[in-house]
N, C-alpha and C. Protein backbone atom coordinates (compact mmCIF):
# COMPACT_ATOMS: atom_id res chain seq x y z
N MET A 1 0.37 -1.51 0.22
CA MET A 1 0.10 -0.18 -0.24
C MET A 1 0.74 1.66 -0.16
N VAL A 2 -0.16 2.60 -0.92
CA VAL A 2 1.77 3.71 -0.71
C VAL A 2 1.35 4.25 0.77
N LYS A 3 1.84 4.63 1.27
CA LYS A 3 1.56 6.09 2.23
C LYS A 3 2.95 7.80 1.55
N ILE A 4 1.92 8.08 2.07
CA ILE A 4 2.88 9.31 1.58
C ILE A 4 3.38 10.38 3.00
N ARG A 5 4.53 10.79 3.22
CA ARG A 5 5.09 11.53 4.13
C ARG A 5 4.34 12.96 3.68
N VAL A 6 4.02 13.60 4.70
CA VAL A 6 3.84 15.11 4.38
C VAL A 6 4.05 15.98 5.51
N VAL A 7 4.68 16.82 5.27
CA VAL A 7 5.40 18.02 6.28
C VAL A 7 5.13 19.46 5.72
N ILE A 8 4.67 19.69 7.10
CA ILE A 8 4.32 21.14 6.93
C ILE A 8 5.13 21.83 7.80
N ASP A 9 5.91 22.89 7.31
CA ASP A 9 6.87 24.06 7.79
C ASP A 9 5.84 24.75 8.58
N ARG A 10 5.27 24.90 10.01
CA ARG A 10 5.20 25.46 10.32
C ARG A 10 5.52 27.37 10.90
N ASP A 11 6.83 26.90 10.75
CA ASP A 11 7.08 28.48 11.04
C ASP A 11 7.23 29.14 9.73
N LYS A 12 6.89 28.61 8.70
CA LYS A 12 6.75 29.37 7.32
C LYS A 12 5.46 29.60 7.20
N CYS A 13 4.66 28.71 7.77
CA CYS A 13 3.29 28.34 7.19
C CYS A 13 2.42 30.43 7.67
N LEU A 14 1.14 31.01 6.87
CA LEU A 14 0.68 32.02 7.61
C LEU A 14 -0.44 31.53 8.10
N GLY A 15 -0.70 30.52 8.30
CA GLY A 15 -2.18 29.88 8.92
C GLY A 15 -3.73 30.23 8.13
N CYS A 16 -3.59 30.47 6.66
CA CYS A 16 -4.46 31.48 6.32
C CYS A 16 -5.43 30.83 6.11
N GLY A 17 -5.57 29.29 6.07
CA GLY A 17 -6.61 28.05 6.31
C GLY A 17 -6.83 27.39 5.20
N ALA A 18 -5.64 27.57 3.73
CA ALA A 18 -6.14 27.46 2.64
C ALA A 18 -5.82 25.62 2.31
N ALA A 19 -4.65 25.07 3.00
CA ALA A 19 -4.74 24.03 2.59
C ALA A 19 -5.87 23.27 3.72
N PRO A 20 -6.29 23.62 5.13
CA PRO A 20 -7.46 22.80 5.59
C PRO A 20 -8.63 22.79 5.06
N ALA A 21 -8.61 23.76 3.89
CA ALA A 21 -10.20 24.25 3.46
C ALA A 21 -10.08 22.64 1.83
N THR A 22 -8.54 22.94 1.47
CA THR A 22 -9.01 21.96 0.50
C THR A 22 -8.84 20.49 0.84
N CYS A 23 -7.85 20.58 1.55
CA CYS A 23 -8.39 19.05 2.18
C CYS A 23 -7.77 18.67 3.79
N PRO A 24 -9.79 18.85 4.45
CA PRO A 24 -9.68 18.44 5.42
C PRO A 24 -9.34 17.44 6.15
N GLU A 25 -9.49 16.23 4.80
CA GLU A 25 -8.63 14.87 5.25
C GLU A 25 -7.85 15.07 6.50
N VAL A 26 -6.57 15.76 5.62
CA VAL A 26 -5.01 15.44 6.67
C VAL A 26 -4.98 16.89 6.79
N PHE A 27 -5.71 18.23 6.59
CA PHE A 27 -4.93 18.85 7.28
C PHE A 27 -6.13 20.01 8.19
N GLU A 28 -5.34 20.46 9.08
CA GLU A 28 -6.31 21.66 9.66
C GLU A 28 -5.44 22.49 10.83
N LEU A 29 -6.40 23.72 11.26
CA LEU A 29 -4.95 24.76 11.87
C LEU A 29 -5.29 24.50 13.33
N GLY A 30 -3.61 24.26 13.87
CA GLY A 30 -3.28 24.05 14.97
C GLY A 30 -4.38 24.58 16.01
N SER A 31 -4.88 24.62 17.07
CA SER A 31 -5.26 25.16 17.76
C SER A 31 -4.05 25.65 19.26
N ASP A 32 -2.78 25.21 19.06
CA ASP A 32 -1.73 25.89 19.53
C ASP A 32 -0.88 27.31 19.23
N ASN A 33 -0.75 26.70 17.72
CA ASN A 33 -0.33 28.15 17.38
C ASN A 33 -1.66 28.67 15.70
N GLY A 34 -2.22 28.37 15.50
CA GLY A 34 -2.70 29.06 14.39
C GLY A 34 -2.44 28.19 13.28
N LYS A 35 -1.80 27.62 13.12
CA LYS A 35 -0.71 27.86 11.27
C LYS A 35 -1.23 25.44 11.47
N ASN A 36 -1.03 26.16 10.10
CA ASN A 36 -1.81 24.18 9.73
C ASN A 36 -1.02 23.48 9.90
N LYS A 37 -1.72 21.89 10.44
CA LYS A 37 -0.55 20.71 10.82
C LYS A 37 -1.86 19.76 10.24
N VAL A 38 -0.97 18.73 10.53
CA VAL A 38 -1.68 17.28 10.09
C VAL A 38 -2.72 16.92 11.22
N VAL A 39 -3.40 16.58 10.82
CA VAL A 39 -4.76 16.23 11.56
C VAL A 39 -4.05 14.83 12.49
N ASP A 40 -4.59 14.73 13.37
CA ASP A 40 -3.92 13.88 14.55
C ASP A 40 -4.64 12.18 14.27
N LYS A 41 -5.27 12.22 13.39
CA LYS A 41 -5.47 10.46 12.92
C LYS A 41 -3.89 9.98 11.68
N TYR A 42 -3.35 11.35 11.18
CA TYR A 42 -2.63 11.06 10.58
C TYR A 42 -1.17 10.87 11.32
N ALA A 43 -1.02 12.18 11.94
CA ALA A 43 0.46 12.40 12.64
C ALA A 43 1.15 11.92 13.37
N VAL A 44 2.82 12.36 12.61
CA VAL A 44 3.38 11.24 13.50
C VAL A 44 4.45 12.55 14.46
N GLU A 45 4.70 13.20 13.98
CA GLU A 45 5.51 14.66 14.84
C GLU A 45 4.77 15.74 14.53
N THR A 46 4.12 17.05 15.56
CA THR A 46 4.00 18.40 15.77
C THR A 46 4.20 18.45 16.53
N THR A 47 5.16 19.87 16.14
CA THR A 47 6.04 20.58 17.39
C THR A 47 5.45 22.31 17.04
N SER A 48 5.82 23.51 17.13
CA SER A 48 5.78 24.63 17.10
C SER A 48 6.22 24.92 15.46
N SER A 49 7.18 24.59 15.39
CA SER A 49 7.61 25.04 14.29
C SER A 49 7.79 23.51 12.94
N LYS A 50 7.45 22.40 12.78
CA LYS A 50 6.38 21.68 11.91
C LYS A 50 5.61 20.93 12.48
N SER A 51 5.06 19.87 11.09
CA SER A 51 3.88 18.75 11.67
C SER A 51 4.25 17.87 10.84
N ILE A 52 4.00 16.75 10.92
CA ILE A 52 4.58 15.52 10.21
C ILE A 52 3.88 14.41 10.54
N GLY A 53 3.34 13.63 8.81
CA GLY A 53 2.27 12.96 8.98
C GLY A 53 2.16 11.81 7.75
N VAL A 54 2.37 10.85 7.98
CA VAL A 54 1.85 9.79 7.00
C VAL A 54 0.65 9.34 6.82
N VAL A 55 0.17 9.21 5.97
CA VAL A 55 -0.95 9.50 5.35
C VAL A 55 -1.41 8.59 4.14
N PRO A 56 -2.43 7.67 3.67
CA PRO A 56 -2.55 6.90 2.37
C PRO A 56 -2.57 7.42 1.81
N GLY A 57 -2.63 6.74 0.50
CA GLY A 57 -2.00 6.74 -0.39
C GLY A 57 -3.27 7.30 -1.33
N GLU A 58 -4.02 6.81 -1.24
CA GLU A 58 -5.87 7.03 -1.84
C GLU A 58 -6.21 8.62 -1.78
N LEU A 59 -5.25 9.21 -0.79
CA LEU A 59 -5.46 10.95 -0.52
C LEU A 59 -4.43 11.54 -1.16
N ARG A 60 -3.90 11.16 -1.79
CA ARG A 60 -2.60 12.02 -2.50
C ARG A 60 -3.36 13.22 -3.30
N GLU A 61 -3.92 13.06 -4.50
CA GLU A 61 -5.22 14.25 -5.07
C GLU A 61 -4.81 15.26 -4.13
N CYS A 62 -5.72 14.49 -3.27
CA CYS A 62 -6.61 15.86 -2.53
C CYS A 62 -4.84 17.30 -1.00
N ILE A 63 -4.13 15.91 -1.52
CA ILE A 63 -2.62 16.41 -0.82
C ILE A 63 -2.26 17.15 -2.22
N VAL A 64 -2.36 17.01 -3.41
CA VAL A 64 -1.79 17.76 -4.29
C VAL A 64 -1.92 19.28 -4.24
N LYS A 65 -3.73 19.25 -4.37
CA LYS A 65 -3.90 20.38 -4.19
C LYS A 65 -3.79 20.94 -2.98
N ALA A 66 -3.91 20.93 -2.11
CA ALA A 66 -2.99 21.21 -0.78
C ALA A 66 -1.81 22.51 -1.25
N ILE A 67 -1.03 21.55 -1.29
CA ILE A 67 0.58 21.81 -1.60
C ILE A 67 0.41 23.00 -2.73
N GLU A 68 -0.21 23.34 -4.01
CA GLU A 68 -0.46 23.38 -4.35
C GLU A 68 -0.75 25.06 -4.90
N ILE A 69 -1.78 25.26 -3.80
CA ILE A 69 -2.84 26.39 -3.28
C ILE A 69 -2.17 26.65 -2.35
N CYS A 70 -1.15 26.49 -1.81
CA CYS A 70 -0.30 26.78 -0.23
C CYS A 70 0.16 28.35 -1.07
N PRO A 71 0.11 29.68 -0.27
CA PRO A 71 0.59 31.01 -1.21
C PRO A 71 2.28 31.53 -1.00
N VAL A 72 2.30 29.91 0.80
CA VAL A 72 4.13 30.07 0.91
C VAL A 72 4.73 29.00 0.84
N LYS A 73 3.46 28.32 -0.13
CA LYS A 73 4.78 26.25 -0.10
C LYS A 73 5.55 26.08 1.12
N ALA A 74 4.60 26.14 2.01
CA ALA A 74 4.91 25.23 3.54
C ALA A 74 5.11 23.93 3.58
N VAL A 75 3.98 23.23 2.65
CA VAL A 75 3.59 22.01 2.87
C VAL A 75 4.26 20.83 1.45
N SER A 76 5.26 20.12 2.09
CA SER A 76 5.82 19.25 1.12
C SER A 76 5.30 17.38 1.35
N MET A 77 5.48 16.87 0.38
CA MET A 77 5.54 14.85 0.06
C MET A 77 6.12 14.68 -0.27
N GLU A 78 6.06 13.56 -0.12
CA GLU A 78 7.15 11.97 -0.59
C GLU A 78 6.33 11.02 -0.54
N VAL A 79 6.43 10.22 -1.35
CA VAL A 79 5.35 8.28 -1.34
C VAL A 79 7.05 8.15 -0.64
N VAL A 80 6.91 7.16 0.85
CA VAL A 80 7.98 6.15 1.59
C VAL A 80 7.18 4.96 1.38
N GLU A 81 6.43 4.44 0.60
CA GLU A 81 6.12 2.85 0.85
C GLU A 81 4.76 2.40 -0.32
N LYS A 82 5.15 1.71 -1.16
CA LYS A 82 4.94 1.07 -2.35
C LYS A 82 4.13 -0.18 -2.18
């Protein structure tokens, strides 16, 4: 099964809500600092400066749209398991 590693640079994030609005299955604004983070269901690590998650491959299209819409390019992804 394909897995995708998602990384959010929370220092770079503006907290505009574009990624969560585009792909709420994977992203949300954190209650800690109002910046984008991976939802708890898929989160591996969340700090004030980064959020990392491992997400099922079937959400890839949703993640790509969120990456494309982020105005400061704070979200990235890579396939980690096939």
